[in-house]
Every structure is written in C-alpha cells, then in structure tokens.
Amino acid sequence: MIDNLPAFSKPWSRCVGSERLSTMLRKEYWDRFREVQAVMGFEYIRCHGLLCDELGLFRVDEWGGEKKVFYNHTYIDQILDALLEEGVRPFVELGFMPGAMASGDQTVFWWKGNVTPPADWDLWSGLVRELVSHWIARYGAEEVRRWPIEVWNEPNLEQFWQGASMENYFRLYECSVRAVKAVDPAIRVGGPAICGGSDHWIDAFLAYVREKDLPLDFFSRHLYAGETPSLRSPEFFYQGLSDPARPMEELRSVRARIDKAGFPGLEIHITEFNTSYHPRCPIHDTPLNAAYLARLLSEAGELVRSLSYWTFCDLFEECDVPRSLFHGGFGLLARYGIPKPTFYLFAFFQRLGDRVLYRDGSCLATLRGDGSIAVAAWNPVMEAGAAPSRRIALELPWREAGGGADPRPALVRRSRVHEGAGNPWGLWAAMGRPRYPDSATVDFLKEAAHPALEAAVLQPEGGLVKPSFSLERNEITLLEIGPFADESPSYLGLDDSLIDGYPKEPARRAGLS
C-alpha cells in the first residue's frame, strides 16, 4: 500500500571528506565548499591532519634546562570557527602524531603526516584531554557533543600506522576514549577507521573493547571498490572496479560481524568511500564513476548512519600538488569548481523523496512529501564495446492528495548525465587535455558540465503512470514527475505558426527517449 512505503534515508548527505585540515585556511577551499554545499547541504566534514605540526597545536619549549609542553590553538580555532560559520560541523579524526610526541620518523603523504605511536602515552592522553576541554570552553558542551570523534585513520595499513600494529592501535584507542570521556562522557567516540581487506580487525577490535569494557559509540570503516592496481605511472594510477553489487555485500558482511560480536545496532559510519582509493585514478573524473556509485547511494541507508564521499573537491595534495586540471582527483568538483558527473549523482539523489515506491539494482523510485515522484536510474558499463543502452520501464502509483487515482496527465522532467552530456572530462580530453587552461576554456567546460534536459507528458492508466526510457552508456538520470497543467489556452492570440518555420501547436513529447 502507498501508505506503508519504506523510508528512504540519505546517509551520504550527512558527511563529506576533504583534504587535510590546514587547507581550510585557504580561500579556494571555502569557494569550492560553498559551491557544493549550496546543492548538497552536508552536515559534517571529515579530514586528516588535525594534530600535524603545520597547525602547530603541540609544541615543547625548552628554557633554563627544563622542557614544557605548550598547546597552541591559534589555527585550529580559526578553522573550527569557519566551519561553524558555514553551518557544518567537524567529524573529528584524531591524527596524525605531532613530531615532538612521535616515537619515530615514519610519515605518510607529500605533506608528511607522522604515523608512529606516541613516545609517551601520557602525553597523548593529555593532548586529547586538552583539545576536548578547550573546545568545550570555546564552543560549549552542547555543541561539542555533536562532534563525533574517530581515533586515527586506517591503522590496518602500514603506511598509516607503523607496522599496522593492532596492539598499539588498540592502546591508542583506549587512551583516546578514556581521555575524551574523562572530560565529558557524553561526547561520542569510535573507530577503528579501517579500510577493506582487513575485516579480521573488526573481530579483534570489538573483542578488545569488550574485554577492557571501553566505550564505543560508533563503528567506522572505509569502503572502496577498486581491484588490484593494473598500472602505475608518475602521474596516474589505474584500477579496475569490482561488480557494482560488491560494496553492499561488504557492508552486509560488516554489519553481520558487528552483530555477531555482541554489538547489535551499533551505528556504522563509512567515513571514506569512492571507487578507487587513489587520488590519481582517472576514473574519478568520468561518468562511469557516477553510474557505478549510484547503487550504493540507493541501498546503503539500510545499513549505515553516514556514508562520507572522499572528497568534495580536487584541492587535494596527498600525492603532491596536482599537475593538471583533470588528474583523477577524488573530488565532486574539479579545479575552478567544474562539476564532475559524480557531483550530479549526488545532486540527483538529493532531490529524491523520502519514501520508496520501487527499487532494483539500476533504478530507485521515490515519493516526495508533496505527492510528486522522483526517480533515479543508472547504467554503469565497465567493459569496452559492451552494449551501451539499458531500457527501463516503470509502473508507479499516480494519486491525488486524498489518495484516489489522479486523472490528470503527468509532466516528467528529465535530467541526464552520460558520456555525451554533462561530461566535462570527455570534452577536455577532446580539446587536447590542456593542463592549465585559460579562463575562457574553464567557462566552456563549466557549460559542458550541465546535464541534458528533456520533458514529456504522460497520460495515467488505471491509477498508474508508466515512464519508459533508455539509459545511455554510463548514464545517470533523474525523473521528476508531477501534475501537468496546460496554460496555453490562457494566452490571447497564441499561434506558433506565425513564427516562420513553426507549426500552429508545438510538438509535445508523449514519452521519454
């Protein structure tokens, strides 16, 4: 029955990833974020680098033969002030290790985040207590309690945590959560922020939490769809993709492990997701990236609280400063704010309703609060030369506000992105891939990023509307279906045949292409 439709949640709209925290000190960061936020309305931002030396938080001064710890909140306060002024909150990631506290010199990324355990665990606990206490003093406990705190990033990988040591990470989590809760037990803390391929960490981590009777307010993990890399060059990193159903299979497996370990209902936050996990993988710039991820956006709300896309823009320097306009960056926006196809994937899904009328592996139909219908459909094609199109035929209930069948025609507005529309990367490639384009070229590519649009009128049949349409190769499409009202008769003297070359009545499309 239409009155008992399942809910459709939007976990991907709650949080988004970005480059390290220090980039929030740049004008370009906020220019790009405002462009994204005007459409998406994200609630949280997550990023690396909170404790790195470039922000200057932890310093050890020496005077008169004595050493003294000094906490410098100057830059972090400035950044958090800006975040809150923009109406977004931090999804806090504790990392990486301040140099003066580190036990070694192993670093990650071009900007050299230290990934070794603390030389003095008491200093680490003191740093965490200082941060939380300062935040409460500055922003108030009620506000800070809304900031989830995640301990570290991908400790299951040696490049992110020295030796990928479970023992040391579990100790880090224990020190961190006890330090936070000592200041305010209501602040939410979680982990272990692992990536796929190491889910045995889930069992071990949850067993440790249970054994030590540690607080755990949420479980965090990352989700990428890239297979084993096929080729690396100085500028690019190529990965194939798993089957589009695989990401949801991974999420179900994670949920089952958590429940089996005795934590049923524990919130899951996917604090990074994308296709490839590398910021120089060209797939991120393509329509395929959008079409591939559509199924995950459609179904993930059944299992996770948040699903944080990595990242909102191509201001991203983990593998050095980007060398060209399109370079395989993670972002929804390329440089200069050029929207990629995946930007429109999010924009389309943001316009969906909150009740599910129909869902399968390539289509999602939803009901909005005003009675209109919004449909997303997608067609990822990962094989060269494969049949490019897919035909979708739907039968959806068409009801008046009172619940009865609506006899009025339906107006369907369609927005489309595929290889031939809304694909600035494809046009840029055809133009010879200019690395540093002039402003006219940038404007031209922004125009090319817009979706293709069409409209049609459907006649209801037996209380149903039956949109039928084809999807091109790697297409994402949005249908918005509402009542059709023909106001043409209200115009005095309307006759299009008086315009050279036009018929008396405009052709009104009775179906979709």
Protein backbone atom coordinates (compact mmCIF):
# COMPACT_ATOMS: atom_id res chain seq x y z
CA MET A 1 0.00 0.00 0.00
CA ILE A 2 1.15 3.53 -0.74
CA ASP A 3 0.52 4.49 2.92
CA ASN A 4 3.05 1.93 4.19
CA LEU A 5 6.03 2.64 1.99
CA PRO A 6 9.52 2.00 3.36
CA ALA A 7 11.58 5.05 4.25
CA PHE A 8 14.47 6.25 2.11
CA SER A 9 17.33 7.77 4.10
CA LYS A 10 20.25 9.77 2.72
CA PRO A 11 23.37 8.82 4.74
CA TRP A 12 25.64 10.25 2.02
CA SER A 13 24.30 13.76 2.75
CA ARG A 14 25.44 13.73 6.39
CA CYS A 15 29.21 13.92 5.93
CA VAL A 16 31.78 14.57 3.22
CA GLY A 17 35.56 14.24 3.16
CA SER A 18 38.15 16.83 2.30
CA GLU A 19 41.90 17.40 2.12
CA ARG A 20 43.77 17.95 5.40
CA LEU A 21 42.56 20.47 7.91
CA SER A 22 45.16 23.13 7.09
CA THR A 23 43.67 23.67 3.61
CA MET A 24 40.68 25.27 5.37
CA LEU A 25 42.96 28.28 5.81
CA ARG A 26 42.81 28.88 2.04
CA LYS A 27 40.20 30.90 0.17
CA GLU A 28 39.95 28.25 -2.56
CA TYR A 29 38.76 25.67 -0.02
CA TRP A 30 35.75 27.70 1.04
CA ASP A 31 34.94 28.83 -2.51
CA ARG A 32 34.62 25.19 -3.55
CA PHE A 33 32.82 24.10 -0.40
CA ARG A 34 30.16 26.77 -0.74
CA GLU A 35 29.51 25.70 -4.34
CA VAL A 36 28.98 22.11 -3.21
CA GLN A 37 27.07 22.98 -0.08
CA ALA A 38 24.54 25.10 -1.95
CA VAL A 39 23.30 21.87 -3.53
CA MET A 40 24.17 19.16 -1.01
CA GLY A 41 23.67 20.57 2.49
CA PHE A 42 26.26 18.35 4.18
CA GLU A 43 26.17 18.32 7.99
CA TYR A 44 29.78 17.28 8.70
CA ILE A 45 33.28 17.43 7.19
CA ARG A 46 35.95 14.82 7.91
CA CYS A 47 39.62 15.23 7.06
CA HIS A 48 43.14 14.28 8.14
CA GLY A 49 45.81 16.41 9.76
CA LEU A 50 44.25 17.79 12.95
CA LEU A 51 47.36 17.09 15.03
CA CYS A 52 50.04 17.58 12.36
CA ASP A 53 52.84 20.04 13.00
CA GLU A 54 51.75 22.52 10.31
CA LEU A 55 48.84 23.54 12.55
CA GLY A 56 51.21 23.99 15.49
CA LEU A 57 48.99 22.58 18.23
CA PHE A 58 51.58 20.63 20.23
CA ARG A 59 54.91 22.24 21.00
CA VAL A 60 57.63 21.53 23.54
CA ASP A 61 59.64 24.58 24.63
CA GLU A 62 62.96 24.44 26.47
CA TRP A 63 64.13 27.17 28.83
CA GLY A 64 66.56 27.10 31.70
CA GLY A 65 67.24 23.43 31.21
CA GLU A 66 63.57 22.46 31.53
CA LYS A 67 61.08 21.31 28.91
CA LYS A 68 57.49 22.46 28.98
CA VAL A 69 54.52 21.49 26.82
CA PHE A 70 52.64 24.31 25.13
CA TYR A 71 49.30 23.90 23.31
CA ASN A 72 48.80 26.44 20.53
CA HIS A 73 45.15 26.56 19.44
CA THR A 74 45.52 29.52 17.08
CA TYR A 75 44.98 27.81 13.72
CA ILE A 76 42.58 25.10 14.86
CA ASP A 77 40.32 27.70 16.50
CA GLN A 78 40.33 29.72 13.29
CA ILE A 79 39.38 26.64 11.27
CA LEU A 80 36.63 25.46 13.60
CA ASP A 81 35.19 28.99 13.77
CA ALA A 82 35.00 29.00 9.97
CA LEU A 83 33.39 25.56 9.87
CA LEU A 84 30.65 26.51 12.27
CA GLU A 85 30.05 29.82 10.49
CA GLU A 86 29.42 27.81 7.31
CA GLY A 87 26.80 25.72 9.13
CA VAL A 88 28.81 22.50 9.11
CA ARG A 89 30.44 20.56 11.96
CA PRO A 90 33.67 18.56 12.21
CA PHE A 91 33.66 14.78 12.14
CA VAL A 92 36.86 14.77 14.17
CA GLU A 93 39.70 12.45 13.23
CA LEU A 94 42.46 12.18 15.85
CA GLY A 95 45.67 12.11 13.83
CA PHE A 96 48.41 12.24 12.86
CA MET A 97 51.17 12.25 15.53
CA PRO A 98 52.79 15.57 16.49
CA GLY A 99 56.51 15.38 15.76
CA ALA A 100 57.53 16.31 19.29
CA MET A 101 55.47 13.42 20.64
CA ALA A 102 56.28 10.79 18.00
CA SER A 103 58.27 7.62 18.67
CA GLY A 104 59.70 7.53 15.13
CA ASP A 105 60.06 9.43 11.89
CA GLN A 106 57.82 7.40 9.51
CA THR A 107 55.50 9.72 7.60
CA VAL A 108 52.74 9.48 5.00
CA PHE A 109 51.82 11.74 2.07
CA TRP A 110 53.58 14.62 0.39
CA TRP A 111 52.86 16.76 3.44
CA LYS A 112 54.47 14.21 5.79
CA GLY A 113 51.97 13.24 8.46
CA ASN A 114 53.76 11.24 11.18
CA VAL A 115 52.24 7.77 11.63
CA THR A 116 54.17 6.39 14.59
CA PRO A 117 52.78 5.77 18.10
CA PRO A 118 53.45 8.32 20.82
CA ALA A 119 56.76 8.07 22.62
CA ASP A 120 54.90 8.96 25.81
CA TRP A 121 51.33 7.67 26.07
CA ASP A 122 50.55 10.06 28.92
CA LEU A 123 51.42 12.98 26.64
CA TRP A 124 48.94 11.65 24.06
CA SER A 125 46.20 11.35 26.67
CA GLY A 126 46.98 14.86 27.90
CA LEU A 127 46.78 16.23 24.35
CA VAL A 128 43.34 14.68 23.81
CA ARG A 129 42.05 15.99 27.14
CA GLU A 130 43.41 19.44 26.34
CA LEU A 131 41.71 19.53 22.95
CA VAL A 132 38.31 18.47 24.24
CA SER A 133 38.50 20.76 27.29
CA HIS A 134 39.45 23.72 25.10
CA TRP A 135 36.66 23.02 22.64
CA ILE A 136 34.07 22.85 25.40
CA ALA A 137 35.35 26.11 26.90
CA ARG A 138 35.20 27.82 23.49
CA TYR A 139 32.10 26.32 21.87
CA GLY A 140 30.12 24.85 24.78
CA ALA A 141 29.50 21.25 25.78
CA GLU A 142 26.18 21.03 23.94
CA GLU A 143 27.88 21.89 20.66
CA VAL A 144 30.95 19.68 21.10
CA ARG A 145 28.76 16.69 21.99
CA ARG A 146 27.56 16.84 18.40
CA TRP A 147 31.09 16.26 17.05
CA PRO A 148 31.84 12.55 16.59
CA ILE A 149 35.48 11.73 17.38
CA GLU A 150 37.18 8.99 15.37
CA VAL A 151 40.50 7.60 16.53
CA TRP A 152 43.13 7.65 13.74
CA ASN A 153 42.87 6.63 10.07
CA GLU A 154 43.33 3.16 8.52
CA PRO A 155 45.64 1.69 11.18
CA ASN A 156 45.40 -1.66 9.40
CA LEU A 157 47.76 -0.29 6.71
CA GLU A 158 51.47 0.07 7.41
CA GLN A 159 51.67 3.39 5.58
CA PHE A 160 49.14 4.89 8.02
CA TRP A 161 50.21 3.22 11.28
CA GLN A 162 53.71 1.97 11.93
CA GLY A 163 53.79 -1.79 11.45
CA ALA A 164 49.97 -1.84 11.20
CA SER A 165 50.19 -2.92 14.84
CA MET A 166 46.86 -3.98 16.31
CA GLU A 167 48.34 -3.89 19.82
CA ASN A 168 49.48 -0.29 19.50
CA TYR A 169 46.27 0.84 17.82
CA PHE A 170 44.10 -0.76 20.48
CA ARG A 171 46.16 1.02 23.12
CA LEU A 172 45.77 4.29 21.21
CA TYR A 173 42.01 3.81 21.10
CA GLU A 174 41.89 3.01 24.81
CA CYS A 175 43.96 6.06 25.77
CA SER A 176 41.91 8.30 23.49
CA VAL A 177 38.44 7.20 24.50
CA ARG A 178 39.29 7.31 28.20
CA ALA A 179 40.74 10.81 27.79
CA VAL A 180 37.66 12.12 25.97
CA LYS A 181 35.20 10.55 28.38
CA ALA A 182 37.17 11.88 31.38
CA VAL A 183 36.34 15.38 30.13
CA ASP A 184 32.74 14.70 29.02
CA PRO A 185 31.20 11.21 28.94
CA ALA A 186 28.52 12.40 26.50
CA ILE A 187 30.96 13.03 23.64
CA ARG A 188 30.77 10.22 21.09
CA VAL A 189 33.96 8.29 20.24
CA GLY A 190 34.52 5.47 17.73
CA GLY A 191 36.89 3.62 15.45
CA PRO A 192 38.83 1.79 14.11
CA ALA A 193 38.53 3.57 10.70
CA ILE A 194 39.97 0.57 8.84
CA CYS A 195 39.78 0.05 5.09
CA GLY A 196 38.51 -3.08 3.34
CA GLY A 197 40.53 -6.25 3.13
CA SER A 198 41.28 -6.40 6.86
CA ASP A 199 37.91 -7.19 8.37
CA HIS A 200 39.56 -9.59 10.82
CA TRP A 201 40.38 -6.33 12.60
CA ILE A 202 36.66 -5.95 13.32
CA ASP A 203 36.54 -9.11 15.43
CA ALA A 204 39.79 -8.32 17.26
CA PHE A 205 38.91 -4.67 17.89
CA LEU A 206 35.44 -5.43 19.24
CA ALA A 207 36.83 -8.22 21.42
CA TYR A 208 39.36 -5.78 22.88
CA VAL A 209 36.67 -3.17 23.52
CA ARG A 210 34.55 -5.77 25.30
CA GLU A 211 37.46 -7.20 27.30
CA LYS A 212 38.58 -3.76 28.51
CA ASP A 213 35.00 -2.52 28.98
CA LEU A 214 35.72 0.50 26.79
CA PRO A 215 33.10 2.91 25.47
CA LEU A 216 32.36 2.53 21.75
CA ASP A 217 29.68 4.87 20.43
CA PHE A 218 30.03 4.01 16.74
CA PHE A 219 32.00 1.77 14.40
CA SER A 220 33.85 3.33 11.46
CA ARG A 221 35.20 1.78 8.29
CA HIS A 222 36.16 2.82 4.75
CA LEU A 223 34.72 1.46 1.51
CA TYR A 224 36.46 1.49 -1.88
CA ALA A 225 35.62 -0.55 -4.96
CA GLY A 226 38.99 -0.66 -6.71
CA GLU A 227 40.57 -4.00 -7.55
CA THR A 228 44.31 -4.71 -7.62
CA PRO A 229 46.04 -1.84 -9.48
CA SER A 230 46.81 -2.68 -13.09
CA LEU A 231 49.32 0.10 -13.83
CA ARG A 232 51.07 2.99 -12.10
CA SER A 233 52.84 5.84 -13.86
CA PRO A 234 54.40 9.04 -12.48
CA GLU A 235 51.06 10.77 -12.94
CA PHE A 236 48.35 8.09 -12.94
CA PHE A 237 47.13 5.05 -11.07
CA TYR A 238 44.78 2.63 -12.84
CA GLN A 239 42.34 0.28 -11.09
CA GLY A 240 39.52 -1.86 -12.34
CA LEU A 241 36.29 -2.00 -10.37
CA SER A 242 34.55 -4.84 -8.61
CA ASP A 243 30.98 -5.77 -9.50
CA PRO A 244 28.63 -2.87 -8.57
CA ALA A 245 26.87 -5.16 -6.08
CA ARG A 246 30.11 -5.77 -4.15
CA PRO A 247 30.13 -2.62 -1.96
CA MET A 248 26.74 -3.50 -0.49
CA GLU A 249 27.90 -7.08 0.07
CA GLU A 250 30.84 -5.69 2.04
CA LEU A 251 28.53 -3.55 4.16
CA ARG A 252 26.29 -6.51 4.95
CA SER A 253 29.33 -8.51 5.98
CA VAL A 254 30.49 -5.72 8.30
CA ARG A 255 27.04 -5.47 9.86
CA ALA A 256 26.95 -9.23 10.43
CA ARG A 257 30.39 -9.24 12.09
CA ILE A 258 29.45 -6.41 14.44
CA ASP A 259 26.19 -8.06 15.42
CA LYS A 260 27.88 -11.44 15.94
CA ALA A 261 30.48 -9.81 18.19
CA GLY A 262 27.71 -8.70 20.53
CA PHE A 263 27.15 -5.12 19.37
CA PRO A 264 23.75 -5.33 17.64
CA GLY A 265 22.51 -1.98 16.39
CA LEU A 266 25.86 -0.22 16.86
CA GLU A 267 25.98 2.70 14.42
CA ILE A 268 28.19 2.23 11.37
CA HIS A 269 29.84 5.26 9.80
CA ILE A 270 31.62 4.85 6.47
CA THR A 271 34.00 7.76 6.86
CA GLU A 272 35.51 7.39 3.37
CA PHE A 273 34.07 5.89 0.19
CA ASN A 274 34.68 6.11 -3.53
CA THR A 275 35.55 3.86 -6.46
CA SER A 276 39.38 3.93 -6.45
CA TYR A 277 41.27 4.71 -3.24
CA HIS A 278 43.96 6.68 -5.09
CA PRO A 279 43.81 10.44 -5.86
CA ARG A 280 45.37 9.99 -9.30
CA CYS A 281 42.93 7.45 -10.73
CA PRO A 282 41.25 8.87 -13.88
CA ILE A 283 38.00 7.00 -13.22
CA HIS A 284 37.05 9.65 -10.65
CA ASP A 285 36.57 12.20 -13.44
CA THR A 286 34.30 10.02 -15.60
CA PRO A 287 30.57 9.35 -15.97
CA LEU A 288 31.30 5.72 -15.04
CA ASN A 289 32.30 6.84 -11.54
CA ALA A 290 28.83 8.31 -11.03
CA ALA A 291 26.91 5.44 -12.60
CA TYR A 292 28.87 2.87 -10.60
CA LEU A 293 28.28 4.52 -7.21
CA ALA A 294 24.55 5.09 -7.75
CA ARG A 295 23.56 1.66 -6.48
CA LEU A 296 25.48 2.21 -3.25
CA LEU A 297 23.72 5.53 -2.65
CA SER A 298 20.41 3.83 -3.35
CA GLU A 299 20.83 0.99 -0.83
CA ALA A 300 23.36 1.98 1.85
CA GLY A 301 20.86 3.76 4.08
CA GLU A 302 19.57 0.37 5.17
CA LEU A 303 22.88 -0.35 6.92
CA VAL A 304 24.86 2.80 7.75
CA ARG A 305 24.31 6.06 9.56
CA SER A 306 26.68 8.09 7.38
CA LEU A 307 28.45 7.49 4.07
CA SER A 308 31.14 10.11 3.56
CA TYR A 309 32.31 10.70 -0.02
CA TRP A 310 36.05 11.17 -0.32
CA THR A 311 36.23 14.13 -1.26
CA PHE A 312 34.15 17.19 -2.14
CA CYS A 313 36.76 18.89 -4.37
CA ASP A 314 40.12 18.39 -6.06
CA LEU A 315 42.03 20.64 -3.68
CA PHE A 316 43.95 17.56 -2.55
CA GLU A 317 47.69 17.14 -2.11
CA GLU A 318 48.38 13.74 -0.61
CA CYS A 319 50.39 12.74 -3.70
CA ASP A 320 51.92 16.17 -4.34
CA VAL A 321 50.32 19.23 -5.94
CA PRO A 322 48.04 18.18 -8.84
CA ARG A 323 49.67 18.64 -12.24
CA SER A 324 46.65 19.35 -14.42
CA LEU A 325 43.00 20.39 -14.47
CA PHE A 326 41.68 16.81 -14.60
CA HIS A 327 44.11 14.40 -12.97
CA GLY A 328 41.97 11.65 -11.43
CA GLY A 329 41.28 13.55 -8.22
CA PHE A 330 38.67 12.35 -5.75
CA GLY A 331 36.55 15.50 -5.86
CA LEU A 332 32.94 16.11 -6.79
CA LEU A 333 34.29 19.34 -8.22
CA ALA A 334 37.40 19.65 -10.36
CA ARG A 335 39.62 22.70 -10.12
CA TYR A 336 37.90 26.05 -10.68
CA GLY A 337 34.64 24.49 -9.47
CA ILE A 338 33.91 22.46 -12.61
CA PRO A 339 31.27 19.86 -11.64
CA LYS A 340 32.13 16.26 -12.43
CA PRO A 341 29.43 13.69 -13.26
CA THR A 342 29.54 12.38 -9.66
CA PHE A 343 28.55 15.85 -8.45
CA TYR A 344 25.31 15.41 -10.34
CA LEU A 345 24.86 11.91 -8.96
CA PHE A 346 24.70 13.49 -5.50
CA ALA A 347 22.57 16.39 -6.74
CA PHE A 348 20.07 13.98 -8.33
CA PHE A 349 19.85 11.81 -5.23
CA GLN A 350 19.44 14.88 -3.05
CA ARG A 351 16.22 15.61 -4.95
CA LEU A 352 14.70 12.20 -4.30
CA GLY A 353 11.78 11.73 -1.93
CA ASP A 354 11.74 10.09 1.48
CA ARG A 355 9.59 7.02 0.65
CA VAL A 356 10.50 4.15 -1.65
CA LEU A 357 7.98 3.26 -4.36
CA TYR A 358 10.26 0.85 -6.22
CA ARG A 359 13.90 -0.20 -6.14
CA ASP A 360 16.14 -2.60 -8.02
CA GLY A 361 19.81 -2.73 -8.96
CA SER A 362 19.54 0.01 -11.58
CA CYS A 363 16.60 2.16 -10.52
CA LEU A 364 15.07 3.84 -7.47
CA ALA A 365 11.63 5.47 -7.48
CA THR A 366 10.61 7.62 -4.52
CA LEU A 367 7.61 9.56 -3.30
CA ARG A 368 8.05 13.13 -2.09
CA GLY A 369 6.11 14.79 0.66
CA ASP A 370 4.11 16.87 -1.82
CA GLY A 371 2.94 13.77 -3.70
CA SER A 372 5.30 14.15 -6.65
CA ILE A 373 7.56 11.30 -7.72
CA ALA A 374 11.33 11.36 -8.21
CA VAL A 375 13.19 8.53 -9.94
CA ALA A 376 16.93 7.92 -10.24
CA ALA A 377 18.31 5.37 -12.71
CA TRP A 378 21.81 4.39 -13.74
CA ASN A 379 23.69 2.23 -16.23
CA PRO A 380 27.36 1.53 -15.42
CA VAL A 381 29.17 -0.13 -18.32
CA MET A 382 32.68 -1.25 -17.36
CA GLU A 383 33.54 -3.26 -20.48
CA ALA A 384 34.82 -1.67 -23.65
CA GLY A 385 32.50 -2.29 -26.57
CA ALA A 386 29.62 -3.55 -24.41
CA ALA A 387 26.02 -2.72 -25.37
CA PRO A 388 25.67 0.91 -24.26
CA SER A 389 21.96 1.22 -23.52
CA ARG A 390 19.53 -0.16 -20.96
CA ARG A 391 15.75 0.12 -21.18
CA ILE A 392 13.79 0.98 -18.03
CA ALA A 393 10.00 0.61 -17.84
CA LEU A 394 8.16 1.51 -14.63
CA GLU A 395 4.60 1.46 -13.35
CA LEU A 396 4.15 3.92 -10.49
CA PRO A 397 1.04 4.88 -8.49
CA TRP A 398 -0.43 8.22 -9.51
CA ARG A 399 -2.56 9.59 -6.68
CA GLU A 400 -4.30 12.80 -5.70
CA ALA A 401 -3.72 14.33 -2.27
CA GLY A 402 -6.75 12.47 -0.91
CA GLY A 403 -5.38 9.12 -2.04
CA GLY A 404 -7.55 8.43 -5.06
CA ALA A 405 -6.32 7.91 -8.61
CA ASP A 406 -5.30 11.18 -10.22
CA PRO A 407 -6.86 11.59 -13.68
CA ARG A 408 -4.59 14.49 -14.63
CA PRO A 409 -1.68 13.98 -17.04
CA ALA A 410 1.78 13.86 -15.55
CA LEU A 411 4.63 16.13 -16.52
CA VAL A 412 8.00 14.39 -16.50
CA ARG A 413 11.16 16.48 -16.27
CA ARG A 414 14.32 14.55 -17.00
CA SER A 415 17.95 15.47 -16.23
CA ARG A 416 20.69 13.31 -17.77
CA VAL A 417 24.44 12.87 -17.47
CA HIS A 418 26.31 10.35 -19.62
CA GLU A 419 29.31 10.12 -21.94
CA GLY A 420 27.78 12.68 -24.31
CA ALA A 421 26.18 15.07 -21.79
CA GLY A 422 27.37 16.62 -18.54
CA ASN A 423 30.85 15.18 -19.14
CA PRO A 424 33.45 17.98 -18.99
CA TRP A 425 36.28 15.45 -18.67
CA GLY A 426 35.36 13.98 -22.06
CA LEU A 427 35.27 17.40 -23.70
CA TRP A 428 38.56 18.38 -22.06
CA ALA A 429 40.17 15.22 -23.47
CA ALA A 430 38.84 16.06 -26.95
CA MET A 431 40.40 19.53 -26.61
CA GLY A 432 43.86 18.05 -26.12
CA ARG A 433 43.83 17.90 -22.29
CA PRO A 434 45.15 21.42 -21.54
CA ARG A 435 46.94 21.23 -18.19
CA TYR A 436 46.44 24.86 -17.18
CA PRO A 437 43.50 26.17 -19.22
CA ASP A 438 42.73 29.83 -19.65
CA SER A 439 39.56 31.36 -18.23
CA ALA A 440 37.62 31.02 -21.50
CA THR A 441 38.33 27.29 -21.60
CA VAL A 442 37.30 26.93 -17.95
CA ASP A 443 34.00 28.69 -18.67
CA PHE A 444 33.44 26.46 -21.70
CA LEU A 445 33.99 23.32 -19.61
CA LYS A 446 31.64 24.57 -16.89
CA GLU A 447 28.94 24.95 -19.53
CA ALA A 448 29.65 21.42 -20.72
CA ALA A 449 29.14 20.10 -17.20
CA HIS A 450 25.40 20.82 -17.17
CA PRO A 451 23.03 17.86 -17.54
CA ALA A 452 20.95 17.42 -20.68
CA LEU A 453 17.26 18.21 -20.13
CA GLU A 454 14.02 16.99 -21.64
CA ALA A 455 10.32 16.97 -20.77
CA ALA A 456 7.37 14.75 -21.63
CA VAL A 457 3.69 14.38 -20.80
CA LEU A 458 2.32 11.00 -19.71
CA GLN A 459 -1.33 10.01 -19.57
CA PRO A 460 -2.19 7.94 -16.47
CA GLU A 461 -3.61 4.46 -16.95
CA GLY A 462 -5.65 2.88 -14.20
CA GLY A 463 -4.13 5.00 -11.46
CA LEU A 464 -0.59 4.47 -12.75
CA VAL A 465 1.98 6.46 -14.67
CA LYS A 466 4.27 4.36 -16.82
CA PRO A 467 7.51 6.12 -17.71
CA SER A 468 9.68 4.17 -20.12
CA PHE A 469 13.12 5.34 -21.18
CA SER A 470 16.58 4.26 -22.29
CA LEU A 471 19.85 4.86 -20.46
CA GLU A 472 22.98 5.52 -22.46
CA ARG A 473 26.36 4.08 -21.58
CA ASN A 474 27.36 5.19 -18.06
CA GLU A 475 24.28 7.35 -17.70
CA ILE A 476 22.70 8.66 -14.53
CA THR A 477 19.26 10.13 -14.95
CA LEU A 478 16.70 11.88 -12.77
CA LEU A 479 12.96 11.93 -13.49
CA GLU A 480 10.76 14.36 -11.59
CA ILE A 481 7.08 13.61 -12.11
CA GLY A 482 4.29 15.99 -11.13
CA PRO A 483 0.89 17.14 -12.42
CA PHE A 484 0.76 18.66 -15.91
CA ALA A 485 -1.16 21.90 -16.31
CA ASP A 486 -1.57 23.26 -19.84
CA GLU A 487 -1.85 27.04 -19.66
CA SER A 488 -1.58 27.55 -23.43
CA PRO A 489 -5.31 28.38 -23.87
CA SER A 490 -4.94 31.33 -21.48
CA TYR A 491 -2.67 33.19 -23.92
CA LEU A 492 -4.55 35.62 -26.21
CA GLY A 493 -3.80 35.18 -29.90
CA LEU A 494 -1.32 32.35 -29.38
CA ASP A 495 -0.39 30.83 -32.75
CA ASP A 496 3.12 29.48 -33.21
CA SER A 497 2.56 29.13 -36.96
CA LEU A 498 3.02 32.90 -37.15
CA ILE A 499 6.66 32.25 -36.31
CA ASP A 500 8.44 31.33 -39.52
CA GLY A 501 9.11 27.63 -39.72
CA TYR A 502 6.93 26.51 -36.78
CA PRO A 503 3.61 24.63 -36.65
CA LYS A 504 0.47 26.05 -35.07
CA GLU A 505 0.90 23.88 -31.96
CA PRO A 506 4.29 22.89 -30.56
CA ALA A 507 5.10 19.20 -30.59
CA ARG A 508 4.53 17.91 -27.09
CA ARG A 509 6.51 14.77 -26.35
CA ALA A 510 4.25 11.95 -25.19
CA GLY A 511 7.09 9.81 -23.93
CA LEU A 512 10.75 9.84 -22.97
CA SER A 513 13.63 9.00 -25.24
